[in-house]
Amino acid sequence: LKRDVDVRMVYFPVTHERDDVFAEYRIPYDNSIAAGAQNV
């Protein structure tokens, strides 16, 4: 995030609830992974 990179956490097992264990880091999260060639 500090390097202006679009980053998302994906928590497993996947649910529609946010994982609050590390809420203090305020990292965006997603429930799916877009498999484009530009993504990692």
PDB file of all heavy atoms in Angstrom:
ATOM      1  N   LEU A   1       0.833  -1.205   0.000  1.00  0.00           N
ATOM      2  CA  LEU A   1       0.000   0.000   0.000  1.00  0.00           C
ATOM      3  C   LEU A   1       0.869   1.257   0.000  1.00  0.00           C
ATOM      4  O   LEU A   1       0.555   2.245  -0.659  1.00  0.00           O
ATOM      5  CB  LEU A   1      -0.923   0.005   1.217  1.00  0.00           C
ATOM      6  CG  LEU A   1      -2.105  -0.973   1.197  1.00  0.00           C
ATOM      7  CD1 LEU A   1      -2.889  -0.857   2.494  1.00  0.00           C
ATOM      8  CD2 LEU A   1      -3.019  -0.692   0.009  1.00  0.00           C
ATOM      9  N   LYS A   2       1.962   1.204   0.730  1.00  0.00           N
ATOM     10  CA  LYS A   2       2.879   2.337   0.773  1.00  0.00           C
ATOM     11  C   LYS A   2       3.548   2.568  -0.578  1.00  0.00           C
ATOM     12  O   LYS A   2       4.020   3.670  -0.860  1.00  0.00           O
ATOM     13  CB  LYS A   2       3.952   2.115   1.844  1.00  0.00           C
ATOM     14  CG  LYS A   2       3.405   1.980   3.261  1.00  0.00           C
ATOM     15  CD  LYS A   2       4.511   1.547   4.216  1.00  0.00           C
ATOM     16  CE  LYS A   2       3.946   1.224   5.590  1.00  0.00           C
ATOM     17  NZ  LYS A   2       4.990   0.738   6.518  1.00  0.00           N
ATOM     18  N   ARG A   3       3.588   1.541  -1.380  1.00  0.00           N
ATOM     19  CA  ARG A   3       4.198   1.645  -2.711  1.00  0.00           C
ATOM     20  C   ARG A   3       3.145   1.866  -3.793  1.00  0.00           C
ATOM     21  O   ARG A   3       3.400   1.701  -4.974  1.00  0.00           O
ATOM     22  CB  ARG A   3       4.988   0.368  -3.027  1.00  0.00           C
ATOM     23  CG  ARG A   3       6.235   0.170  -2.167  1.00  0.00           C
ATOM     24  CD  ARG A   3       7.297   1.204  -2.518  1.00  0.00           C
ATOM     25  NE  ARG A   3       8.583   0.896  -1.902  1.00  0.00           N
ATOM     26  CZ  ARG A   3       9.021   1.468  -0.795  1.00  0.00           C
ATOM     27  NH1 ARG A   3       8.240   2.341  -0.158  1.00  0.00           N
ATOM     28  NH2 ARG A   3      10.213   1.155  -0.319  1.00  0.00           N
ATOM     29  N   ASP A   4       1.928   2.247  -3.367  1.00  0.00           N
ATOM     30  CA  ASP A   4       0.823   2.536  -4.292  1.00  0.00           C
ATOM     31  C   ASP A   4       0.418   1.321  -5.129  1.00  0.00           C
ATOM     32  O   ASP A   4      -0.006   1.459  -6.288  1.00  0.00           O
ATOM     33  CB  ASP A   4       1.188   3.701  -5.225  1.00  0.00           C
ATOM     34  CG  ASP A   4       1.270   5.028  -4.485  1.00  0.00           C
ATOM     35  OD1 ASP A   4       0.471   5.229  -3.554  1.00  0.00           O
ATOM     36  OD2 ASP A   4       2.135   5.839  -4.832  1.00  0.00           O
ATOM     37  N   VAL A   5       0.558   0.145  -4.581  1.00  0.00           N
ATOM     38  CA  VAL A   5       0.149  -1.076  -5.273  1.00  0.00           C
ATOM     39  C   VAL A   5      -1.274  -1.432  -4.852  1.00  0.00           C
ATOM     40  O   VAL A   5      -1.631  -1.339  -3.680  1.00  0.00           O
ATOM     41  CB  VAL A   5       1.105  -2.243  -4.937  1.00  0.00           C
ATOM     42  CG1 VAL A   5       0.595  -3.547  -5.541  1.00  0.00           C
ATOM     43  CG2 VAL A   5       2.509  -1.939  -5.443  1.00  0.00           C
ATOM     44  N   ASP A   6      -2.099  -1.834  -5.811  1.00  0.00           N
ATOM     45  CA  ASP A   6      -3.442  -2.313  -5.517  1.00  0.00           C
ATOM     46  C   ASP A   6      -3.327  -3.715  -4.932  1.00  0.00           C
ATOM     47  O   ASP A   6      -2.984  -4.667  -5.629  1.00  0.00           O
ATOM     48  CB  ASP A   6      -4.272  -2.337  -6.802  1.00  0.00           C
ATOM     49  CG  ASP A   6      -5.711  -2.796  -6.550  1.00  0.00           C
ATOM     50  OD1 ASP A   6      -6.135  -2.792  -5.374  1.00  0.00           O
ATOM     51  OD2 ASP A   6      -6.392  -3.158  -7.526  1.00  0.00           O
ATOM     52  N   VAL A   7      -3.595  -3.849  -3.640  1.00  0.00           N
ATOM     53  CA  VAL A   7      -3.408  -5.123  -2.955  1.00  0.00           C
ATOM     54  C   VAL A   7      -4.685  -5.517  -2.235  1.00  0.00           C
ATOM     55  O   VAL A   7      -5.393  -4.666  -1.684  1.00  0.00           O
ATOM     56  CB  VAL A   7      -2.217  -5.044  -1.961  1.00  0.00           C
ATOM     57  CG1 VAL A   7      -2.438  -3.953  -0.921  1.00  0.00           C
ATOM     58  CG2 VAL A   7      -1.985  -6.394  -1.290  1.00  0.00           C
ATOM     59  N   ARG A   8      -5.002  -6.810  -2.249  1.00  0.00           N
ATOM     60  CA  ARG A   8      -6.203  -7.322  -1.583  1.00  0.00           C
ATOM     61  C   ARG A   8      -5.857  -8.585  -0.805  1.00  0.00           C
ATOM     62  O   ARG A   8      -5.165  -9.471  -1.323  1.00  0.00           O
ATOM     63  CB  ARG A   8      -7.283  -7.684  -2.618  1.00  0.00           C
ATOM     64  CG  ARG A   8      -7.536  -6.628  -3.689  1.00  0.00           C
ATOM     65  CD  ARG A   8      -8.264  -5.420  -3.158  1.00  0.00           C
ATOM     66  NE  ARG A   8      -8.378  -4.388  -4.170  1.00  0.00           N
ATOM     67  CZ  ARG A   8      -9.335  -4.340  -5.103  1.00  0.00           C
ATOM     68  NH1 ARG A   8     -10.237  -5.316  -5.151  1.00  0.00           N
ATOM     69  NH2 ARG A   8      -9.374  -3.351  -5.967  1.00  0.00           N
ATOM     70  N   MET A   9      -6.348  -8.671   0.417  1.00  0.00           N
ATOM     71  CA  MET A   9      -6.261  -9.923   1.163  1.00  0.00           C
ATOM     72  C   MET A   9      -7.420 -10.822   0.727  1.00  0.00           C
ATOM     73  O   MET A   9      -8.531 -10.345   0.488  1.00  0.00           O
ATOM     74  CB  MET A   9      -6.364  -9.681   2.670  1.00  0.00           C
ATOM     75  CG  MET A   9      -5.332  -8.735   3.263  1.00  0.00           C
ATOM     76  SD  MET A   9      -3.617  -9.290   3.096  1.00  0.00           S
ATOM     77  CE  MET A   9      -3.656 -10.859   3.951  1.00  0.00           C
ATOM     78  N   VAL A  10      -7.154 -12.117   0.619  1.00  0.00           N
ATOM     79  CA  VAL A  10      -8.202 -13.096   0.351  1.00  0.00           C
ATOM     80  C   VAL A  10      -8.100 -14.144   1.455  1.00  0.00           C
ATOM     81  O   VAL A  10      -7.104 -14.866   1.539  1.00  0.00           O
ATOM     82  CB  VAL A  10      -8.048 -13.762  -1.025  1.00  0.00           C
ATOM     83  CG1 VAL A  10      -9.203 -14.729  -1.265  1.00  0.00           C
ATOM     84  CG2 VAL A  10      -7.996 -12.713  -2.128  1.00  0.00           C
ATOM     85  N   TYR A  11      -9.108 -14.184   2.333  1.00  0.00           N
ATOM     86  CA  TYR A  11      -9.047 -15.059   3.503  1.00  0.00           C
ATOM     87  C   TYR A  11      -9.701 -16.405   3.207  1.00  0.00           C
ATOM     88  O   TYR A  11     -10.765 -16.476   2.595  1.00  0.00           O
ATOM     89  CB  TYR A  11      -9.735 -14.389   4.694  1.00  0.00           C
ATOM     90  CG  TYR A  11      -9.058 -13.103   5.122  1.00  0.00           C
ATOM     91  CD1 TYR A  11      -9.600 -11.860   4.777  1.00  0.00           C
ATOM     92  CD2 TYR A  11      -7.876 -13.135   5.854  1.00  0.00           C
ATOM     93  CE1 TYR A  11      -8.983 -10.685   5.175  1.00  0.00           C
ATOM     94  CE2 TYR A  11      -7.253 -11.965   6.254  1.00  0.00           C
ATOM     95  CZ  TYR A  11      -7.803 -10.737   5.899  1.00  0.00           C
ATOM     96  OH  TYR A  11      -7.183  -9.579   6.279  1.00  0.00           O
ATOM     97  N   PHE A  12      -9.047 -17.468   3.666  1.00  0.00           N
ATOM     98  CA  PHE A  12      -9.545 -18.827   3.460  1.00  0.00           C
ATOM     99  C   PHE A  12      -9.822 -19.497   4.805  1.00  0.00           C
ATOM    100  O   PHE A  12      -9.001 -19.365   5.729  1.00  0.00           O
ATOM    101  CB  PHE A  12      -8.517 -19.650   2.673  1.00  0.00           C
ATOM    102  CG  PHE A  12      -8.391 -19.210   1.239  1.00  0.00           C
ATOM    103  CD1 PHE A  12      -7.515 -18.191   0.892  1.00  0.00           C
ATOM    104  CD2 PHE A  12      -9.144 -19.817   0.252  1.00  0.00           C
ATOM    105  CE1 PHE A  12      -7.392 -17.779  -0.427  1.00  0.00           C
ATOM    106  CE2 PHE A  12      -9.023 -19.419  -1.074  1.00  0.00           C
ATOM    107  CZ  PHE A  12      -8.148 -18.397  -1.414  1.00  0.00           C
ATOM    108  N   PRO A  13     -10.949 -20.215   4.947  1.00  0.00           N
ATOM    109  CA  PRO A  13     -11.972 -20.414   3.922  1.00  0.00           C
ATOM    110  C   PRO A  13     -12.716 -19.117   3.609  1.00  0.00           C
ATOM    111  O   PRO A  13     -12.898 -18.254   4.482  1.00  0.00           O
ATOM    112  CB  PRO A  13     -12.903 -21.452   4.549  1.00  0.00           C
ATOM    113  CG  PRO A  13     -12.700 -21.290   6.023  1.00  0.00           C
ATOM    114  CD  PRO A  13     -11.269 -20.915   6.210  1.00  0.00           C
ATOM    115  N   VAL A  14     -13.114 -18.985   2.344  1.00  0.00           N
ATOM    116  CA  VAL A  14     -13.752 -17.757   1.867  1.00  0.00           C
ATOM    117  C   VAL A  14     -15.165 -17.660   2.426  1.00  0.00           C
ATOM    118  O   VAL A  14     -15.948 -18.598   2.343  1.00  0.00           O
ATOM    119  CB  VAL A  14     -13.788 -17.727   0.326  1.00  0.00           C
ATOM    120  CG1 VAL A  14     -14.572 -16.514  -0.161  1.00  0.00           C
ATOM    121  CG2 VAL A  14     -12.375 -17.709  -0.231  1.00  0.00           C
ATOM    122  N   THR A  15     -15.470 -16.508   3.020  1.00  0.00           N
ATOM    123  CA  THR A  15     -16.836 -16.184   3.447  1.00  0.00           C
ATOM    124  C   THR A  15     -17.082 -14.736   3.065  1.00  0.00           C
ATOM    125  O   THR A  15     -16.207 -14.072   2.507  1.00  0.00           O
ATOM    126  CB  THR A  15     -17.010 -16.343   4.973  1.00  0.00           C
ATOM    127  OG1 THR A  15     -16.287 -15.293   5.635  1.00  0.00           O
ATOM    128  CG2 THR A  15     -16.518 -17.683   5.459  1.00  0.00           C
ATOM    129  N   HIS A  16     -18.249 -14.247   3.371  1.00  0.00           N
ATOM    130  CA  HIS A  16     -18.554 -12.846   3.073  1.00  0.00           C
ATOM    131  C   HIS A  16     -18.320 -11.948   4.287  1.00  0.00           C
ATOM    132  O   HIS A  16     -18.679 -10.775   4.285  1.00  0.00           O
ATOM    133  CB  HIS A  16     -19.994 -12.706   2.573  1.00  0.00           C
ATOM    134  CG  HIS A  16     -20.222 -13.339   1.229  1.00  0.00           C
ATOM    135  ND1 HIS A  16     -19.707 -12.789   0.078  1.00  0.00           N
ATOM    136  CD2 HIS A  16     -20.869 -14.470   0.880  1.00  0.00           C
ATOM    137  CE1 HIS A  16     -20.049 -13.556  -0.955  1.00  0.00           C
ATOM    138  NE2 HIS A  16     -20.746 -14.586  -0.492  1.00  0.00           N
ATOM    139  N   GLU A  17     -17.712 -12.505   5.314  1.00  0.00           N
ATOM    140  CA  GLU A  17     -17.423 -11.728   6.517  1.00  0.00           C
ATOM    141  C   GLU A  17     -15.973 -11.268   6.512  1.00  0.00           C
ATOM    142  O   GLU A  17     -15.084 -11.967   6.030  1.00  0.00           O
ATOM    143  CB  GLU A  17     -17.678 -12.588   7.764  1.00  0.00           C
ATOM    144  CG  GLU A  17     -19.123 -13.024   7.925  1.00  0.00           C
ATOM    145  CD  GLU A  17     -19.320 -13.874   9.162  1.00  0.00           C
ATOM    146  OE1 GLU A  17     -18.307 -14.117   9.875  1.00  0.00           O
ATOM    147  OE2 GLU A  17     -20.449 -14.293   9.418  1.00  0.00           O
ATOM    148  N   ARG A  18     -15.761 -10.108   7.054  1.00  0.00           N
ATOM    149  CA  ARG A  18     -14.408  -9.562   7.137  1.00  0.00           C
ATOM    150  C   ARG A  18     -13.641 -10.270   8.246  1.00  0.00           C
ATOM    151  O   ARG A  18     -14.209 -10.617   9.277  1.00  0.00           O
ATOM    152  CB  ARG A  18     -14.450  -8.059   7.410  1.00  0.00           C
ATOM    153  CG  ARG A  18     -13.068  -7.414   7.484  1.00  0.00           C
ATOM    154  CD  ARG A  18     -13.158  -5.936   7.830  1.00  0.00           C
ATOM    155  NE  ARG A  18     -11.827  -5.348   7.833  1.00  0.00           N
ATOM    156  CZ  ARG A  18     -11.250  -4.829   6.765  1.00  0.00           C
ATOM    157  NH1 ARG A  18     -11.896  -4.813   5.617  1.00  0.00           N
ATOM    158  NH2 ARG A  18     -10.043  -4.316   6.831  1.00  0.00           N
ATOM    159  N   ASP A  19     -12.345 -10.474   8.028  1.00  0.00           N
ATOM    160  CA  ASP A  19     -11.466 -11.020   9.061  1.00  0.00           C
ATOM    161  C   ASP A  19     -10.928  -9.851   9.882  1.00  0.00           C
ATOM    162  O   ASP A  19     -10.224  -8.991   9.352  1.00  0.00           O
ATOM    163  CB  ASP A  19     -10.314 -11.798   8.419  1.00  0.00           C
ATOM    164  CG  ASP A  19      -9.456 -12.507   9.455  1.00  0.00           C
ATOM    165  OD1 ASP A  19      -8.943 -11.809  10.349  1.00  0.00           O
ATOM    166  OD2 ASP A  19      -9.298 -13.725   9.372  1.00  0.00           O
ATOM    167  N   ASP A  20     -11.268  -9.800  11.165  1.00  0.00           N
ATOM    168  CA  ASP A  20     -10.897  -8.650  11.992  1.00  0.00           C
ATOM    169  C   ASP A  20      -9.692  -8.900  12.879  1.00  0.00           C
ATOM    170  O   ASP A  20      -9.370  -8.081  13.739  1.00  0.00           O
ATOM    171  CB  ASP A  20     -12.092  -8.229  12.870  1.00  0.00           C
ATOM    172  CG  ASP A  20     -13.224  -7.635  12.041  1.00  0.00           C
ATOM    173  OD1 ASP A  20     -12.923  -6.961  11.035  1.00  0.00           O
ATOM    174  OD2 ASP A  20     -14.392  -7.844  12.395  1.00  0.00           O
ATOM    175  N   VAL A  21      -9.010 -10.038  12.709  1.00  0.00           N
ATOM    176  CA  VAL A  21      -7.863 -10.347  13.556  1.00  0.00           C
ATOM    177  C   VAL A  21      -6.774  -9.292  13.389  1.00  0.00           C
ATOM    178  O   VAL A  21      -6.117  -8.894  14.350  1.00  0.00           O
ATOM    179  CB  VAL A  21      -7.319 -11.749  13.227  1.00  0.00           C
ATOM    180  CG1 VAL A  21      -6.033 -12.011  13.992  1.00  0.00           C
ATOM    181  CG2 VAL A  21      -8.362 -12.810  13.590  1.00  0.00           C
ATOM    182  N   PHE A  22      -6.580  -8.833  12.146  1.00  0.00           N
ATOM    183  CA  PHE A  22      -5.570  -7.810  11.876  1.00  0.00           C
ATOM    184  C   PHE A  22      -6.229  -6.536  11.343  1.00  0.00           C
ATOM    185  O   PHE A  22      -5.733  -5.909  10.400  1.00  0.00           O
ATOM    186  CB  PHE A  22      -4.537  -8.327  10.878  1.00  0.00           C
ATOM    187  CG  PHE A  22      -3.648  -9.405  11.425  1.00  0.00           C
ATOM    188  CD1 PHE A  22      -3.878 -10.733  11.128  1.00  0.00           C
ATOM    189  CD2 PHE A  22      -2.587  -9.086  12.267  1.00  0.00           C
ATOM    190  CE1 PHE A  22      -3.069 -11.736  11.637  1.00  0.00           C
ATOM    191  CE2 PHE A  22      -1.771 -10.071  12.794  1.00  0.00           C
ATOM    192  CZ  PHE A  22      -2.012 -11.403  12.483  1.00  0.00           C
ATOM    193  N   ALA A  23      -7.350  -6.167  11.934  1.00  0.00           N
ATOM    194  CA  ALA A  23      -8.089  -4.997  11.464  1.00  0.00           C
ATOM    195  C   ALA A  23      -7.265  -3.716  11.537  1.00  0.00           C
ATOM    196  O   ALA A  23      -7.483  -2.775  10.771  1.00  0.00           O
ATOM    197  CB  ALA A  23      -9.378  -4.834  12.276  1.00  0.00           C
ATOM    198  N   GLU A  24      -6.284  -3.688  12.471  1.00  0.00           N
ATOM    199  CA  GLU A  24      -5.484  -2.465  12.632  1.00  0.00           C
ATOM    200  C   GLU A  24      -4.654  -2.136  11.396  1.00  0.00           C
ATOM    201  O   GLU A  24      -4.238  -0.992  11.206  1.00  0.00           O
ATOM    202  CB  GLU A  24      -4.577  -2.564  13.859  1.00  0.00           C
ATOM    203  CG  GLU A  24      -3.442  -3.576  13.760  1.00  0.00           C
ATOM    204  CD  GLU A  24      -3.799  -4.946  14.287  1.00  0.00           C
ATOM    205  OE1 GLU A  24      -5.001  -5.274  14.299  1.00  0.00           O
ATOM    206  OE2 GLU A  24      -2.894  -5.696  14.681  1.00  0.00           O
ATOM    207  N   TYR A  25      -4.410  -3.128  10.534  1.00  0.00           N
ATOM    208  CA  TYR A  25      -3.639  -2.868   9.322  1.00  0.00           C
ATOM    209  C   TYR A  25      -4.484  -2.235   8.212  1.00  0.00           C
ATOM    210  O   TYR A  25      -3.950  -1.680   7.270  1.00  0.00           O
ATOM    211  CB  TYR A  25      -3.016  -4.178   8.805  1.00  0.00           C
ATOM    212  CG  TYR A  25      -1.798  -4.600   9.580  1.00  0.00           C
ATOM    213  CD1 TYR A  25      -1.903  -5.446  10.686  1.00  0.00           C
ATOM    214  CD2 TYR A  25      -0.528  -4.158   9.219  1.00  0.00           C
ATOM    215  CE1 TYR A  25      -0.780  -5.838  11.409  1.00  0.00           C
ATOM    216  CE2 TYR A  25       0.594  -4.545   9.933  1.00  0.00           C
ATOM    217  CZ  TYR A  25       0.457  -5.383  11.026  1.00  0.00           C
ATOM    218  OH  TYR A  25       1.576  -5.763  11.737  1.00  0.00           O
ATOM    219  N   ARG A  26      -5.790  -2.356   8.314  1.00  0.00           N
ATOM    220  CA  ARG A  26      -6.736  -1.740   7.380  1.00  0.00           C
ATOM    221  C   ARG A  26      -6.401  -2.089   5.925  1.00  0.00           C
ATOM    222  O   ARG A  26      -6.276  -1.204   5.065  1.00  0.00           O
ATOM    223  CB  ARG A  26      -6.766  -0.219   7.579  1.00  0.00           C
ATOM    224  CG  ARG A  26      -7.137   0.188   8.988  1.00  0.00           C
ATOM    225  CD  ARG A  26      -7.287   1.679   9.164  1.00  0.00           C
ATOM    226  NE  ARG A  26      -7.514   2.021  10.543  1.00  0.00           N
ATOM    227  CZ  ARG A  26      -8.704   1.980  11.166  1.00  0.00           C
ATOM    228  NH1 ARG A  26      -9.760   1.590  10.492  1.00  0.00           N
ATOM    229  NH2 ARG A  26      -8.824   2.302  12.431  1.00  0.00           N
ATOM    230  N   ILE A  27      -6.252  -3.368   5.650  1.00  0.00           N
ATOM    231  CA  ILE A  27      -5.937  -3.833   4.307  1.00  0.00           C
ATOM    232  C   ILE A  27      -7.235  -4.164   3.565  1.00  0.00           C
ATOM    233  O   ILE A  27      -8.088  -4.857   4.117  1.00  0.00           O
ATOM    234  CB  ILE A  27      -5.043  -5.089   4.347  1.00  0.00           C
ATOM    235  CG1 ILE A  27      -3.823  -4.865   5.250  1.00  0.00           C
ATOM    236  CG2 ILE A  27      -4.615  -5.485   2.934  1.00  0.00           C
ATOM    237  CD1 ILE A  27      -2.915  -3.744   4.800  1.00  0.00           C
ATOM    238  N   PRO A  28      -7.411  -3.699   2.325  1.00  0.00           N
ATOM    239  CA  PRO A  28      -8.591  -4.097   1.551  1.00  0.00           C
ATOM    240  C   PRO A  28      -8.622  -5.609   1.384  1.00  0.00           C
ATOM    241  O   PRO A  28      -7.579  -6.261   1.354  1.00  0.00           O
ATOM    242  CB  PRO A  28      -8.384  -3.397   0.200  1.00  0.00           C
ATOM    243  CG  PRO A  28      -7.421  -2.290   0.482  1.00  0.00           C
ATOM    244  CD  PRO A  28      -6.536  -2.786   1.581  1.00  0.00           C
ATOM    245  N   TYR A  29      -9.835  -6.173   1.255  1.00  0.00           N
ATOM    246  CA  TYR A  29      -9.930  -7.617   1.080  1.00  0.00           C
ATOM    247  C   TYR A  29     -10.951  -7.934  -0.004  1.00  0.00           C
ATOM    248  O   TYR A  29     -11.793  -7.105  -0.368  1.00  0.00           O
ATOM    249  CB  TYR A  29     -10.297  -8.312   2.393  1.00  0.00           C
ATOM    250  CG  TYR A  29     -11.734  -8.114   2.830  1.00  0.00           C
ATOM    251  CD1 TYR A  29     -12.692  -9.105   2.594  1.00  0.00           C
ATOM    252  CD2 TYR A  29     -12.136  -6.954   3.474  1.00  0.00           C
ATOM    253  CE1 TYR A  29     -14.003  -8.938   3.001  1.00  0.00           C
ATOM    254  CE2 TYR A  29     -13.444  -6.768   3.875  1.00  0.00           C
ATOM    255  CZ  TYR A  29     -14.377  -7.758   3.633  1.00  0.00           C
ATOM    256  OH  TYR A  29     -15.675  -7.579   4.020  1.00  0.00           O
ATOM    257  N   ASP A  30     -10.862  -9.132  -0.545  1.00  0.00           N
ATOM    258  CA  ASP A  30     -11.777  -9.572  -1.586  1.00  0.00           C
ATOM    259  C   ASP A  30     -12.112 -11.040  -1.343  1.00  0.00           C
ATOM    260  O   ASP A  30     -11.383 -11.744  -0.634  1.00  0.00           O
ATOM    261  CB  ASP A  30     -11.133  -9.396  -2.964  1.00  0.00           C
ATOM    262  CG  ASP A  30     -12.162  -9.069  -4.032  1.00  0.00           C
ATOM    263  OD1 ASP A  30     -13.302  -9.561  -3.908  1.00  0.00           O
ATOM    264  OD2 ASP A  30     -11.834  -8.330  -4.988  1.00  0.00           O
ATOM    265  N   ASN A  31     -13.200 -11.500  -1.945  1.00  0.00           N
ATOM    266  CA  ASN A  31     -13.598 -12.897  -1.800  1.00  0.00           C
ATOM    267  C   ASN A  31     -13.312 -13.717  -3.053  1.00  0.00           C
ATOM    268  O   ASN A  31     -13.640 -14.902  -3.110  1.00  0.00           O
ATOM    269  CB  ASN A  31     -15.088 -12.992  -1.461  1.00  0.00           C
ATOM    270  CG  ASN A  31     -15.387 -12.465  -0.070  1.00  0.00           C
ATOM    271  OD1 ASN A  31     -14.596 -12.652   0.849  1.00  0.00           O
ATOM    272  ND2 ASN A  31     -16.505 -11.785   0.081  1.00  0.00           N
ATOM    273  N   SER A  32     -12.721 -13.089  -4.058  1.00  0.00           N
ATOM    274  CA  SER A  32     -12.394 -13.800  -5.292  1.00  0.00           C
ATOM    275  C   SER A  32     -11.100 -13.228  -5.855  1.00  0.00           C
ATOM    276  O   SER A  32     -10.649 -12.145  -5.463  1.00  0.00           O
ATOM    277  CB  SER A  32     -13.522 -13.664  -6.319  1.00  0.00           C
ATOM    278  OG  SER A  32     -13.731 -12.304  -6.655  1.00  0.00           O
ATOM    279  N   ILE A  33     -10.495 -13.967  -6.780  1.00  0.00           N
ATOM    280  CA  ILE A  33      -9.215 -13.581  -7.369  1.00  0.00           C
ATOM    281  C   ILE A  33      -9.393 -13.422  -8.869  1.00  0.00           C
ATOM    282  O   ILE A  33      -9.800 -14.364  -9.560  1.00  0.00           O
ATOM    283  CB  ILE A  33      -8.135 -14.649  -7.074  1.00  0.00           C
ATOM    284  CG1 ILE A  33      -7.938 -14.787  -5.560  1.00  0.00           C
ATOM    285  CG2 ILE A  33      -6.816 -14.294  -7.763  1.00  0.00           C
ATOM    286  CD1 ILE A  33      -7.056 -15.959  -5.163  1.00  0.00           C
ATOM    287  N   ALA A  34      -9.122 -12.222  -9.376  1.00  0.00           N
ATOM    288  CA  ALA A  34      -9.197 -11.969 -10.813  1.00  0.00           C
ATOM    289  C   ALA A  34      -7.916 -12.484 -11.463  1.00  0.00           C
ATOM    290  O   ALA A  34      -6.818 -12.001 -11.167  1.00  0.00           O
ATOM    291  CB  ALA A  34      -9.382 -10.478 -11.080  1.00  0.00           C
ATOM    292  N   ALA A  35      -8.038 -13.447 -12.345  1.00  0.00           N
ATOM    293  CA  ALA A  35      -6.865 -14.163 -12.858  1.00  0.00           C
ATOM    294  C   ALA A  35      -6.280 -13.552 -14.128  1.00  0.00           C
ATOM    295  O   ALA A  35      -5.934 -14.271 -15.064  1.00  0.00           O
ATOM    296  CB  ALA A  35      -7.225 -15.617 -13.109  1.00  0.00           C
ATOM    297  N   GLY A  36      -6.155 -12.234 -14.194  1.00  0.00           N
ATOM    298  CA  GLY A  36      -5.542 -11.606 -15.359  1.00  0.00           C
ATOM    299  C   GLY A  36      -4.043 -11.780 -15.369  1.00  0.00           C
ATOM    300  O   GLY A  36      -3.409 -11.982 -14.328  1.00  0.00           O
ATOM    301  N   ALA A  37      -3.451 -11.690 -16.561  1.00  0.00           N
ATOM    302  CA  ALA A  37      -2.006 -11.894 -16.695  1.00  0.00           C
ATOM    303  C   ALA A  37      -1.203 -10.829 -15.959  1.00  0.00           C
ATOM    304  O   ALA A  37      -0.041 -11.043 -15.621  1.00  0.00           O
ATOM    305  CB  ALA A  37      -1.632 -11.913 -18.173  1.00  0.00           C
ATOM    306  N   GLN A  38      -1.802  -9.663 -15.722  1.00  0.00           N
ATOM    307  CA  GLN A  38      -1.092  -8.594 -15.034  1.00  0.00           C
ATOM    308  C   GLN A  38      -1.147  -8.744 -13.515  1.00  0.00           C
ATOM    309  O   GLN A  38      -0.429  -8.050 -12.792  1.00  0.00           O
ATOM    310  CB  GLN A  38      -1.684  -7.228 -15.427  1.00  0.00           C
ATOM    311  CG  GLN A  38      -3.008  -6.873 -14.744  1.00  0.00           C
ATOM    312  CD  GLN A  38      -4.208  -7.565 -15.388  1.00  0.00           C
ATOM    313  OE1 GLN A  38      -4.056  -8.430 -16.247  1.00  0.00           O
ATOM    314  NE2 GLN A  38      -5.410  -7.185 -14.983  1.00  0.00           N
ATOM    315  N   ASN A  39      -1.983  -9.649 -13.029  1.00  0.00           N
ATOM    316  CA  ASN A  39      -2.176  -9.799 -11.589  1.00  0.00           C
ATOM    317  C   ASN A  39      -1.243 -10.849 -10.987  1.00  0.00           C
ATOM    318  O   ASN A  39      -0.664 -11.675 -11.694  1.00  0.00           O
ATOM    319  CB  ASN A  39      -3.629 -10.162 -11.287  1.00  0.00           C
ATOM    320  CG  ASN A  39      -4.573  -9.038 -11.661  1.00  0.00           C
ATOM    321  OD1 ASN A  39      -4.172  -7.874 -11.747  1.00  0.00           O
ATOM    322  ND2 ASN A  39      -5.830  -9.378 -11.915  1.00  0.00           N
ATOM    323  N   VAL A  40      -1.129 -10.804  -9.659  1.00  0.00           N
ATOM    324  CA  VAL A  40      -0.221 -11.695  -8.943  1.00  0.00           C
ATOM    325  C   VAL A  40      -0.948 -12.323  -7.755  1.00  0.00           C
ATOM    326  O   VAL A  40      -1.671 -11.632  -7.028  1.00  0.00           O
ATOM    327  CB  VAL A  40       1.020 -10.928  -8.427  1.00  0.00           C
ATOM    328  CG1 VAL A  40       1.944 -11.859  -7.649  1.00  0.00           C
ATOM    329  CG2 VAL A  40       1.773 -10.274  -9.583  1.00  0.00           C
TER     330      VAL A  40
END
